[in-house]
N, C-alpha and C. Protein backbone atom coordinates (compact mmCIF):
# COMPACT_ATOMS: atom_id res chain seq x y z
N UNK A 1 0.83 -1.19 0.00
CA UNK A 1 0.00 0.00 0.00
C UNK A 1 0.87 1.25 0.00
N UNK A 2 1.93 1.24 0.81
CA UNK A 2 2.81 2.40 0.88
C UNK A 2 3.50 2.63 -0.46
N UNK A 3 3.84 1.54 -1.16
CA UNK A 3 4.47 1.69 -2.47
C UNK A 3 3.51 2.31 -3.47
N UNK A 4 2.23 1.93 -3.39
CA UNK A 4 1.22 2.48 -4.30
C UNK A 4 1.04 3.98 -4.06
N UNK A 5 0.99 4.38 -2.79
CA UNK A 5 0.86 5.81 -2.45
C UNK A 5 2.08 6.58 -2.94
N UNK A 6 3.26 6.02 -2.77
CA UNK A 6 4.49 6.68 -3.22
C UNK A 6 4.50 6.81 -4.73
N UNK A 7 4.04 5.77 -5.44
CA UNK A 7 4.00 5.81 -6.89
C UNK A 7 3.02 6.87 -7.39
N UNK A 8 1.83 6.90 -6.80
CA UNK A 8 0.82 7.89 -7.18
C UNK A 8 1.34 9.31 -6.88
N UNK A 9 1.98 9.49 -5.74
CA UNK A 9 2.54 10.79 -5.39
C UNK A 9 3.60 11.22 -6.39
N UNK A 10 4.47 10.30 -6.79
CA UNK A 10 5.52 10.61 -7.77
C UNK A 10 4.91 10.99 -9.11
N UNK A 11 3.88 10.28 -9.53
CA UNK A 11 3.22 10.59 -10.79
C UNK A 11 2.59 11.98 -10.73
N UNK A 12 1.95 12.30 -9.62
CA UNK A 12 1.33 13.63 -9.46
C UNK A 12 2.38 14.74 -9.51
N UNK A 13 3.49 14.53 -8.85
CA UNK A 13 4.56 15.53 -8.83
C UNK A 13 5.11 15.74 -10.25
N UNK A 14 5.32 14.65 -10.98
CA UNK A 14 5.81 14.76 -12.36
C UNK A 14 4.79 15.48 -13.25
N UNK A 15 3.51 15.18 -13.05
CA UNK A 15 2.47 15.84 -13.85
C UNK A 15 2.44 17.34 -13.57
N UNK A 16 2.53 17.72 -12.30
CA UNK A 16 2.55 19.14 -11.95
C UNK A 16 3.79 19.84 -12.50
N UNK A 17 4.92 19.18 -12.46
CA UNK A 17 6.15 19.77 -13.00
C UNK A 17 6.03 19.96 -14.51
N UNK A 18 5.41 19.02 -15.19
CA UNK A 18 5.22 19.14 -16.64
C UNK A 18 4.28 20.29 -16.96
N UNK A 19 3.20 20.43 -16.21
CA UNK A 19 2.26 21.54 -16.41
C UNK A 19 2.95 22.87 -16.15
N UNK A 20 3.71 22.97 -15.08
CA UNK A 20 4.42 24.21 -14.76
C UNK A 20 5.42 24.57 -15.85
N UNK A 21 6.12 23.57 -16.35
CA UNK A 21 7.11 23.81 -17.41
C UNK A 21 6.42 24.29 -18.68
N UNK A 22 5.25 23.77 -18.99
CA UNK A 22 4.56 24.15 -20.21
C UNK A 22 4.00 25.57 -20.14
N UNK A 23 3.88 26.14 -18.95
CA UNK A 23 3.37 27.50 -18.79
C UNK A 23 4.49 28.55 -18.80
N UNK A 24 5.73 28.13 -18.93
CA UNK A 24 6.83 29.08 -18.98
C UNK A 24 6.74 29.89 -20.27
N UNK A 25 7.05 31.16 -20.16
CA UNK A 25 7.05 32.01 -21.34
C UNK A 25 8.31 31.73 -22.16
N UNK A 26 8.13 31.36 -23.39
CA UNK A 26 9.26 31.16 -24.29
C UNK A 26 9.47 32.38 -25.16
N UNK A 27 8.43 33.21 -25.25
CA UNK A 27 8.51 34.44 -26.03
C UNK A 27 8.00 35.59 -25.16
N UNK A 28 8.80 36.64 -25.08
CA UNK A 28 8.43 37.84 -24.33
C UNK A 28 8.26 39.00 -25.31
N UNK A 29 7.52 40.01 -24.89
CA UNK A 29 7.43 41.25 -25.65
C UNK A 29 8.02 42.36 -24.78
N UNK A 30 8.86 43.19 -25.39
CA UNK A 30 9.40 44.37 -24.72
C UNK A 30 8.80 45.57 -25.43
N UNK A 31 8.14 46.45 -24.66
CA UNK A 31 7.48 47.61 -25.24
C UNK A 31 7.98 48.89 -24.59
N UNK A 32 7.96 49.96 -25.36
CA UNK A 32 8.37 51.25 -24.84
C UNK A 32 8.16 52.36 -25.87
N UNK A 33 8.61 53.56 -25.51
CA UNK A 33 8.44 54.73 -26.35
C UNK A 33 9.78 55.42 -26.58
N UNK A 34 9.87 56.09 -27.74
CA UNK A 34 11.04 56.88 -28.09
C UNK A 34 10.56 58.31 -28.32
N UNK A 35 11.30 59.27 -27.75
CA UNK A 35 10.87 60.66 -27.87
C UNK A 35 12.03 61.57 -28.24
N UNK A 36 11.65 62.77 -28.71
CA UNK A 36 12.61 63.82 -29.01
C UNK A 36 12.53 64.84 -27.89
N UNK A 37 13.68 65.20 -27.32
CA UNK A 37 13.76 66.18 -26.24
C UNK A 37 14.28 67.50 -26.81
N UNK A 38 13.39 68.46 -27.09
CA UNK A 38 13.83 69.74 -27.65
C UNK A 38 14.41 70.69 -26.61
N UNK A 39 14.36 70.31 -25.34
CA UNK A 39 14.87 71.17 -24.26
C UNK A 39 16.25 70.72 -23.76
N UNK A 40 16.69 69.57 -24.19
CA UNK A 40 17.99 69.02 -23.79
C UNK A 40 18.10 68.79 -22.27
N UNK A 41 16.96 68.51 -21.63
CA UNK A 41 16.95 68.25 -20.19
C UNK A 41 16.97 66.75 -19.88
N UNK A 42 16.79 65.94 -20.91
CA UNK A 42 16.86 64.49 -20.84
C UNK A 42 15.78 63.85 -19.99
N UNK A 43 14.61 64.48 -19.99
CA UNK A 43 13.40 63.85 -19.48
C UNK A 43 12.24 64.42 -20.26
N UNK A 44 11.15 63.67 -20.30
CA UNK A 44 10.00 64.11 -21.07
C UNK A 44 9.37 65.33 -20.42
N UNK A 45 8.94 66.26 -21.27
CA UNK A 45 8.29 67.48 -20.80
C UNK A 45 7.20 67.87 -21.80
N UNK A 46 6.58 69.01 -21.59
CA UNK A 46 5.44 69.42 -22.42
C UNK A 46 5.82 69.61 -23.89
N UNK A 47 7.07 69.89 -24.19
CA UNK A 47 7.49 70.09 -25.57
C UNK A 47 8.05 68.83 -26.24
N UNK A 48 8.22 67.76 -25.48
CA UNK A 48 8.74 66.51 -26.05
C UNK A 48 7.75 65.95 -27.07
N UNK A 49 8.31 65.31 -28.09
CA UNK A 49 7.47 64.70 -29.11
C UNK A 49 7.88 63.24 -29.28
N UNK A 50 6.88 62.38 -29.46
CA UNK A 50 7.15 60.97 -29.74
C UNK A 50 7.76 60.88 -31.14
N UNK A 51 8.70 59.96 -31.33
CA UNK A 51 9.39 59.81 -32.61
C UNK A 51 8.90 58.58 -33.37
N UNK A 52 8.19 58.81 -34.44
CA UNK A 52 7.78 57.72 -35.33
C UNK A 52 8.96 57.37 -36.22
N UNK A 53 9.19 56.08 -36.44
CA UNK A 53 10.25 55.64 -37.34
C UNK A 53 11.64 55.58 -36.72
N UNK A 54 11.74 55.67 -35.40
CA UNK A 54 13.04 55.56 -34.73
C UNK A 54 13.43 54.09 -34.60
N UNK A 55 14.71 53.82 -34.77
CA UNK A 55 15.21 52.45 -34.64
C UNK A 55 15.69 52.22 -33.22
N UNK A 56 15.29 51.09 -32.64
CA UNK A 56 15.73 50.69 -31.30
C UNK A 56 16.35 49.30 -31.37
N UNK A 57 17.24 49.03 -30.42
CA UNK A 57 17.88 47.71 -30.36
C UNK A 57 17.83 47.21 -28.92
N UNK A 58 17.41 45.96 -28.77
CA UNK A 58 17.50 45.28 -27.48
C UNK A 58 18.68 44.33 -27.58
N UNK A 59 19.56 44.41 -26.60
CA UNK A 59 20.72 43.52 -26.58
C UNK A 59 20.88 42.93 -25.19
N UNK A 60 21.06 41.61 -25.14
CA UNK A 60 21.29 40.91 -23.89
C UNK A 60 22.72 40.37 -23.88
N UNK A 61 23.36 40.46 -22.71
CA UNK A 61 24.72 39.95 -22.54
C UNK A 61 24.77 39.12 -21.27
N UNK A 62 25.57 38.08 -21.31
CA UNK A 62 25.75 37.21 -20.15
C UNK A 62 26.31 38.03 -18.99
N UNK A 63 25.74 37.85 -17.81
CA UNK A 63 26.14 38.62 -16.62
C UNK A 63 27.62 38.42 -16.31
N UNK A 64 28.11 37.21 -16.41
CA UNK A 64 29.50 36.92 -16.03
C UNK A 64 30.51 37.18 -17.15
N UNK A 65 30.23 36.66 -18.34
CA UNK A 65 31.21 36.75 -19.43
C UNK A 65 31.09 38.02 -20.26
N UNK A 66 29.95 38.68 -20.16
CA UNK A 66 29.64 39.90 -20.95
C UNK A 66 29.46 39.60 -22.43
N UNK A 67 29.46 38.34 -22.82
CA UNK A 67 29.25 37.97 -24.22
C UNK A 67 27.81 38.26 -24.62
N UNK A 68 27.62 38.81 -25.81
CA UNK A 68 26.28 39.08 -26.31
C UNK A 68 25.58 37.75 -26.58
N UNK A 69 24.36 37.62 -26.02
CA UNK A 69 23.62 36.37 -26.16
C UNK A 69 22.36 36.53 -27.02
N UNK A 70 21.89 37.77 -27.19
CA UNK A 70 20.66 37.97 -27.95
C UNK A 70 20.59 39.42 -28.40
N UNK A 71 20.15 39.64 -29.64
CA UNK A 71 19.97 40.99 -30.17
C UNK A 71 18.75 41.00 -31.07
N UNK A 72 17.95 42.04 -30.96
CA UNK A 72 16.81 42.23 -31.86
C UNK A 72 16.61 43.74 -32.03
N UNK A 73 16.23 44.14 -33.24
CA UNK A 73 15.97 45.55 -33.53
C UNK A 73 14.53 45.72 -33.97
N UNK A 74 14.05 46.95 -33.84
CA UNK A 74 12.71 47.28 -34.29
C UNK A 74 12.61 48.76 -34.56
N UNK A 75 11.44 49.18 -35.06
CA UNK A 75 11.19 50.57 -35.41
C UNK A 75 9.89 51.00 -34.74
N UNK A 76 9.86 52.25 -34.29
CA UNK A 76 8.66 52.76 -33.63
C UNK A 76 7.54 53.00 -34.63
N UNK A 77 6.32 52.90 -34.14
CA UNK A 77 5.14 53.15 -34.98
C UNK A 77 4.84 54.65 -35.04
N UNK A 78 3.70 55.01 -35.56
CA UNK A 78 3.35 56.43 -35.73
C UNK A 78 3.20 57.17 -34.40
N UNK A 79 3.07 56.44 -33.30
CA UNK A 79 2.97 57.05 -31.98
C UNK A 79 4.29 57.01 -31.21
N UNK A 80 5.38 56.63 -31.88
CA UNK A 80 6.68 56.54 -31.20
C UNK A 80 6.79 55.34 -30.29
N UNK A 81 5.95 54.34 -30.47
CA UNK A 81 5.91 53.15 -29.62
C UNK A 81 6.51 51.96 -30.36
N UNK A 82 7.29 51.16 -29.65
CA UNK A 82 7.85 49.95 -30.25
C UNK A 82 7.43 48.73 -29.46
N UNK A 83 7.45 47.60 -30.13
CA UNK A 83 7.16 46.31 -29.50
C UNK A 83 8.12 45.30 -30.12
N UNK A 84 9.01 44.76 -29.29
CA UNK A 84 10.01 43.82 -29.75
C UNK A 84 9.69 42.43 -29.23
N UNK A 85 9.82 41.44 -30.08
CA UNK A 85 9.62 40.06 -29.66
C UNK A 85 10.97 39.47 -29.27
N UNK A 86 11.03 38.90 -28.06
CA UNK A 86 12.27 38.32 -27.54
C UNK A 86 12.02 36.85 -27.28
N UNK A 87 12.85 36.02 -27.86
CA UNK A 87 12.71 34.58 -27.70
C UNK A 87 13.60 34.09 -26.56
N UNK A 88 13.05 33.24 -25.72
CA UNK A 88 13.82 32.61 -24.66
C UNK A 88 13.84 33.39 -23.36
N UNK A 89 14.25 32.69 -22.32
CA UNK A 89 14.38 33.27 -20.98
C UNK A 89 15.82 33.75 -20.82
N UNK A 90 15.99 34.98 -20.37
CA UNK A 90 17.32 35.59 -20.25
C UNK A 90 17.66 35.89 -18.79
N UNK A 91 17.43 34.90 -17.94
CA UNK A 91 17.66 35.05 -16.50
C UNK A 91 19.12 35.35 -16.18
N UNK A 92 20.04 34.82 -16.94
CA UNK A 92 21.47 35.00 -16.67
C UNK A 92 22.09 36.12 -17.49
N UNK A 93 21.25 37.00 -18.03
CA UNK A 93 21.71 38.09 -18.87
C UNK A 93 21.28 39.45 -18.32
N UNK A 94 22.01 40.48 -18.73
CA UNK A 94 21.52 41.84 -18.58
C UNK A 94 21.05 42.26 -19.96
N UNK A 95 19.85 42.83 -20.03
CA UNK A 95 19.25 43.22 -21.30
C UNK A 95 18.92 44.70 -21.26
N UNK A 96 19.31 45.41 -22.32
CA UNK A 96 19.08 46.84 -22.41
C UNK A 96 18.48 47.18 -23.76
N UNK A 97 17.54 48.13 -23.76
CA UNK A 97 16.99 48.68 -24.99
C UNK A 97 17.63 50.04 -25.18
N UNK A 98 18.08 50.30 -26.41
CA UNK A 98 18.78 51.55 -26.72
C UNK A 98 18.21 52.13 -28.01
N UNK A 99 18.05 53.46 -28.03
CA UNK A 99 17.65 54.16 -29.24
C UNK A 99 18.87 54.24 -30.15
N UNK A 100 18.76 53.73 -31.36
CA UNK A 100 19.89 53.62 -32.28
C UNK A 100 19.90 54.71 -33.34
N UNK A 101 18.75 54.97 -33.97
CA UNK A 101 18.71 55.92 -35.08
C UNK A 101 17.43 56.73 -35.03
N UNK A 102 17.59 58.03 -35.15
CA UNK A 102 16.45 58.93 -35.20
C UNK A 102 16.04 59.19 -36.64
N UNK A 103 14.74 59.30 -36.91
CA UNK A 103 14.30 59.63 -38.26
C UNK A 103 14.41 61.13 -38.55
N UNK A 104 14.70 61.92 -37.53
CA UNK A 104 14.74 63.38 -37.69
C UNK A 104 16.16 63.91 -37.56
N UNK A 105 16.70 64.51 -38.61
CA UNK A 105 18.04 65.08 -38.55
C UNK A 105 18.18 66.17 -37.49
N UNK A 106 17.09 66.90 -37.21
CA UNK A 106 17.14 67.98 -36.22
C UNK A 106 17.06 67.46 -34.78
N UNK A 107 16.82 66.17 -34.62
CA UNK A 107 16.73 65.57 -33.29
C UNK A 107 17.40 64.20 -33.33
N UNK A 108 18.72 64.22 -33.46
CA UNK A 108 19.44 62.96 -33.65
C UNK A 108 20.56 62.73 -32.66
N UNK A 109 20.72 63.64 -31.70
CA UNK A 109 21.77 63.46 -30.69
C UNK A 109 21.23 62.54 -29.59
N UNK A 110 21.87 61.39 -29.37
CA UNK A 110 21.36 60.45 -28.35
C UNK A 110 21.35 61.08 -26.95
N UNK A 111 20.32 60.78 -26.20
CA UNK A 111 20.29 61.18 -24.80
C UNK A 111 21.45 60.49 -24.10
N UNK A 112 22.09 61.17 -23.18
CA UNK A 112 23.22 60.55 -22.48
C UNK A 112 22.82 60.02 -21.11
N UNK A 113 21.91 60.71 -20.42
CA UNK A 113 21.50 60.26 -19.09
C UNK A 113 20.54 59.07 -19.15
N UNK A 114 19.75 59.00 -20.18
CA UNK A 114 18.78 57.91 -20.34
C UNK A 114 18.94 57.30 -21.73
N UNK A 115 20.17 56.96 -22.07
CA UNK A 115 20.46 56.42 -23.40
C UNK A 115 19.87 55.04 -23.59
N UNK A 116 19.69 54.30 -22.51
CA UNK A 116 19.14 52.96 -22.63
C UNK A 116 18.30 52.63 -21.40
N UNK A 117 17.50 51.60 -21.55
CA UNK A 117 16.62 51.17 -20.48
C UNK A 117 16.86 49.69 -20.21
N UNK A 118 17.17 49.35 -18.97
CA UNK A 118 17.43 47.96 -18.59
C UNK A 118 16.10 47.25 -18.40
N UNK A 119 16.04 46.02 -18.93
CA UNK A 119 14.83 45.20 -18.89
C UNK A 119 15.18 43.83 -18.32
N UNK A 120 14.33 43.31 -17.46
CA UNK A 120 14.51 41.95 -16.94
C UNK A 120 13.61 41.04 -17.76
N UNK A 121 14.23 40.07 -18.43
CA UNK A 121 13.48 39.18 -19.31
C UNK A 121 13.64 37.74 -18.81
N UNK A 122 12.84 37.44 -17.81
CA UNK A 122 12.81 36.09 -17.27
C UNK A 122 11.45 35.86 -16.62
N UNK A 123 11.10 34.63 -16.53
CA UNK A 123 9.86 34.22 -15.87
C UNK A 123 10.03 34.27 -14.35
N UNK A 124 11.26 34.21 -13.88
CA UNK A 124 11.56 33.97 -12.47
C UNK A 124 11.64 35.24 -11.62
N UNK A 125 10.79 36.21 -11.90
CA UNK A 125 10.78 37.43 -11.07
C UNK A 125 9.40 37.75 -10.53
N UNK A 126 8.46 36.85 -10.71
CA UNK A 126 7.14 37.04 -10.14
C UNK A 126 6.18 37.83 -11.01
N UNK A 127 6.57 38.17 -12.24
CA UNK A 127 5.66 38.85 -13.16
C UNK A 127 4.98 37.77 -14.00
N UNK A 128 3.67 37.74 -13.98
CA UNK A 128 2.94 36.66 -14.62
C UNK A 128 2.37 37.07 -15.97
N UNK A 129 3.13 37.87 -16.70
CA UNK A 129 2.77 38.24 -18.07
C UNK A 129 4.03 38.18 -18.91
N UNK A 130 3.85 38.06 -20.20
CA UNK A 130 5.02 37.99 -21.08
C UNK A 130 5.45 39.36 -21.59
N UNK A 131 4.80 40.43 -21.15
CA UNK A 131 5.14 41.79 -21.60
C UNK A 131 6.01 42.48 -20.55
N UNK A 132 7.09 43.09 -21.03
CA UNK A 132 7.99 43.89 -20.19
C UNK A 132 8.00 45.30 -20.74
N UNK A 133 7.89 46.30 -19.86
CA UNK A 133 7.82 47.69 -20.29
C UNK A 133 9.13 48.40 -19.97
N UNK A 134 9.68 49.06 -20.99
CA UNK A 134 10.93 49.80 -20.85
C UNK A 134 10.64 51.26 -20.56
N UNK A 135 11.57 51.92 -19.87
CA UNK A 135 11.46 53.37 -19.67
C UNK A 135 11.64 54.08 -21.01
N UNK A 136 11.07 55.28 -21.14
CA UNK A 136 11.23 56.04 -22.40
C UNK A 136 12.71 56.33 -22.68
N UNK A 137 13.08 56.26 -23.95
CA UNK A 137 14.43 56.56 -24.41
C UNK A 137 14.32 57.49 -25.61
N UNK A 138 15.44 58.07 -26.04
CA UNK A 138 15.32 58.90 -27.22
C UNK A 138 16.52 59.72 -27.59
N UNK A 139 16.22 60.85 -28.20
CA UNK A 139 17.22 61.74 -28.76
C UNK A 139 16.89 63.16 -28.34
N UNK A 140 17.87 64.08 -28.54
CA UNK A 140 17.62 65.48 -28.26
C UNK A 140 18.12 66.33 -29.41
N UNK A 141 17.62 67.54 -29.47
CA UNK A 141 18.02 68.47 -30.51
C UNK A 141 19.41 69.03 -30.19
N UNK A 142 20.04 69.60 -31.20
CA UNK A 142 21.38 70.19 -31.00
C UNK A 142 21.31 71.43 -30.12
N UNK A 143 20.25 72.22 -30.28
CA UNK A 143 20.04 73.45 -29.51
C UNK A 143 18.71 73.35 -28.78
N UNK A 144 18.64 73.95 -27.60
CA UNK A 144 17.38 73.95 -26.85
C UNK A 144 16.39 74.93 -27.48
N UNK A 145 15.16 74.52 -27.54
CA UNK A 145 14.08 75.37 -28.03
C UNK A 145 13.89 76.54 -27.07
N UNK A 146 13.75 77.79 -27.55
CA UNK A 146 13.56 78.95 -26.65
C UNK A 146 12.34 78.82 -25.73
N UNK A 147 11.32 78.08 -26.14
CA UNK A 147 10.13 77.90 -25.30
C UNK A 147 10.42 77.05 -24.07
N UNK A 148 11.55 76.37 -24.04
CA UNK A 148 11.87 75.46 -22.94
C UNK A 148 12.02 76.19 -21.61
N UNK A 149 12.46 77.43 -21.64
CA UNK A 149 12.66 78.17 -20.40
C UNK A 149 11.37 78.22 -19.59
N UNK A 150 10.27 78.60 -20.24
CA UNK A 150 9.00 78.69 -19.50
C UNK A 150 8.48 77.31 -19.10
N UNK A 151 8.69 76.30 -19.95
CA UNK A 151 8.24 74.94 -19.63
C UNK A 151 8.98 74.42 -18.40
N UNK A 152 10.28 74.64 -18.36
CA UNK A 152 11.08 74.15 -17.24
C UNK A 152 10.77 74.95 -15.97
N UNK A 153 10.57 76.24 -16.11
CA UNK A 153 10.19 77.05 -14.94
C UNK A 153 8.85 76.57 -14.38
N UNK A 154 7.89 76.29 -15.26
CA UNK A 154 6.60 75.77 -14.82
C UNK A 154 6.76 74.41 -14.14
N UNK A 155 7.64 73.59 -14.68
CA UNK A 155 7.88 72.26 -14.11
C UNK A 155 8.38 72.38 -12.68
N UNK A 156 9.37 73.24 -12.46
CA UNK A 156 9.94 73.38 -11.13
C UNK A 156 9.01 74.13 -10.19
N UNK A 157 8.16 75.00 -10.72
CA UNK A 157 7.16 75.69 -9.88
C UNK A 157 6.16 74.67 -9.33
N UNK A 158 5.82 73.68 -10.15
CA UNK A 158 4.89 72.63 -9.73
C UNK A 158 5.52 71.74 -8.65
N UNK A 159 6.83 71.65 -8.63
CA UNK A 159 7.52 70.80 -7.67
C UNK A 159 7.52 71.40 -6.26
N UNK A 160 7.35 72.70 -6.16
CA UNK A 160 7.44 73.36 -4.84
C UNK A 160 6.17 73.30 -4.07
């Protein structure tokens, strides 16, 4: 009788492990926005514009060896939004999304403070969806727009 209970228990454990394994995400989506910063403050503000047609790259590298393990590129839609499909679990990698190319010659200088957004692409962090959201990234103009002074003053007035 004890052997039968042990056998049934083992079968149940294997069945549950198989079900759990089949629910692992093999494909993730990384989504985010790309914008143009006309004020050169490197954060979104009232004058920022979403960039349609901007190229972004997601790259994952092994945490220990730093070897590149995965790369995918995409282009933003008409709203400056991108959605990248990432295959596999990257638990042992650091993954970053970076704005690569701007469609606008007047707004093509990469942001330096927020040049890329780090993304965790693994099932093992307690997020039960296959979508990962990146922080906004983008480019800035060569010169600050004169209207930025009032926008920034208003921003800091709201902070007080």
